[in-house]
Protein backbone atom coordinates (compact mmCIF):
# COMPACT_ATOMS: atom_id res chain seq x y z
CA MET A 1 42.47 191.52 -167.28
CA ARG A 2 40.70 193.85 -164.71
CA LEU A 3 38.08 194.67 -167.23
CA GLU A 4 37.42 190.99 -167.81
CA ILE A 5 37.04 190.40 -164.06
CA ARG A 6 34.67 193.40 -163.74
CA ASP A 7 32.68 192.11 -166.67
CA ASN A 8 32.50 188.56 -165.15
CA ILE A 9 31.39 189.90 -161.77
CA ARG A 10 28.73 192.09 -163.52
CA ARG A 11 27.48 189.16 -165.56
CA ASN A 12 27.39 186.87 -162.47
CA ARG A 13 25.20 189.42 -160.65
CA GLU A 14 22.94 189.61 -163.77
CA ILE A 15 22.61 185.78 -163.74
CA GLN A 16 21.92 185.70 -160.04
CA LYS A 17 19.09 188.28 -160.48
CA GLU A 18 17.59 186.27 -163.32
CA ILE A 19 17.75 183.06 -161.24
CA GLU A 20 16.22 184.90 -158.24
CA GLU A 21 13.31 186.12 -160.45
CA MET A 22 12.77 182.65 -161.88
CA ILE A 23 12.56 181.23 -158.33
CA LYS A 24 10.18 184.02 -157.21
CA SER A 25 7.83 183.63 -160.15
CA SER A 26 7.70 179.76 -160.08
CA SER A 27 4.24 178.31 -159.53
CA VAL A 28 5.61 174.83 -158.71
CA LEU A 29 7.89 175.83 -155.77
CA ASP A 30 6.62 176.11 -152.18
CA GLN A 31 8.03 178.66 -149.74
CA LYS A 32 10.60 176.11 -148.47
CA GLY A 33 11.76 175.35 -152.05
CA ARG A 34 12.13 178.98 -152.94
CA LYS A 35 14.10 179.63 -149.84
CA ILE A 36 16.50 176.68 -150.33
CA LEU A 37 17.19 177.50 -153.95
CA LYS A 38 17.77 181.12 -153.11
CA TRP A 39 20.17 180.28 -150.33
CA ARG A 40 22.09 177.86 -152.56
CA TRP A 41 21.86 179.59 -155.95
CA VAL A 42 21.54 183.21 -155.30
CA LEU A 43 23.26 183.67 -151.96
CA ASN A 44 25.80 180.93 -152.62
CA LYS A 45 25.44 179.38 -149.27
CA ALA A 46 27.19 176.16 -148.55
CA LEU A 47 25.17 172.91 -147.92
CA GLU A 48 26.24 172.89 -144.32
CA GLU A 49 25.16 176.44 -143.74
CA THR A 50 21.83 175.98 -145.49
CA GLY A 51 21.33 172.68 -143.52
CA ARG A 52 21.85 174.57 -140.20
CA GLU A 53 19.28 177.17 -141.30
CA PHE A 54 16.70 174.52 -141.99
CA GLY A 55 17.66 172.15 -139.18
CA VAL A 56 18.57 169.24 -141.49
CA SER A 57 21.74 167.60 -142.74
CA ARG A 58 23.84 168.72 -145.75
CA GLU A 59 22.74 165.55 -147.52
CA ARG A 60 19.04 166.33 -147.00
CA ILE A 61 19.60 169.90 -148.36
CA ARG A 62 21.31 168.35 -151.42
CA GLN A 63 18.33 166.07 -151.94
CA LEU A 64 15.83 168.88 -151.59
CA GLU A 65 17.81 171.17 -153.85
CA HIS A 66 17.80 168.42 -156.55
CA LYS A 67 14.06 167.86 -156.11
CA TYR A 68 13.23 171.62 -156.36
CA ALA A 69 15.60 172.12 -159.28
CA GLN A 70 13.85 169.30 -161.13
CA ARG A 71 10.49 170.93 -160.51
CA LEU A 72 11.76 174.29 -161.75
CA ALA A 73 13.30 172.64 -164.88
CA GLU A 74 10.09 170.82 -165.72
CA GLU A 75 8.08 174.06 -165.26
CA SER A 76 10.54 175.80 -167.59
CA LYS A 77 10.20 173.11 -170.26
CA GLU A 78 6.43 173.38 -170.08
CA LYS A 79 6.50 177.07 -170.56
CA ALA A 80 8.87 176.68 -173.52
CA SER A 81 6.45 174.26 -175.25
């Protein structure tokens, strides 16, 4: 059981590093988009906490996260084509 937990933790860290690299290398995200996605996806910050950092509501962060995630997905699809 402990080995599985350690493996899961290690794999989660690897995934977070991959996501962070994808965010950094994106050509479709501006600085704000990179920071929001990093806070939410890499640092695992809550909507409320991220909203406080940016001075907006949690709902606005949710909307922005969705918008930037769509841009990232579209870019990824274009690269795969």
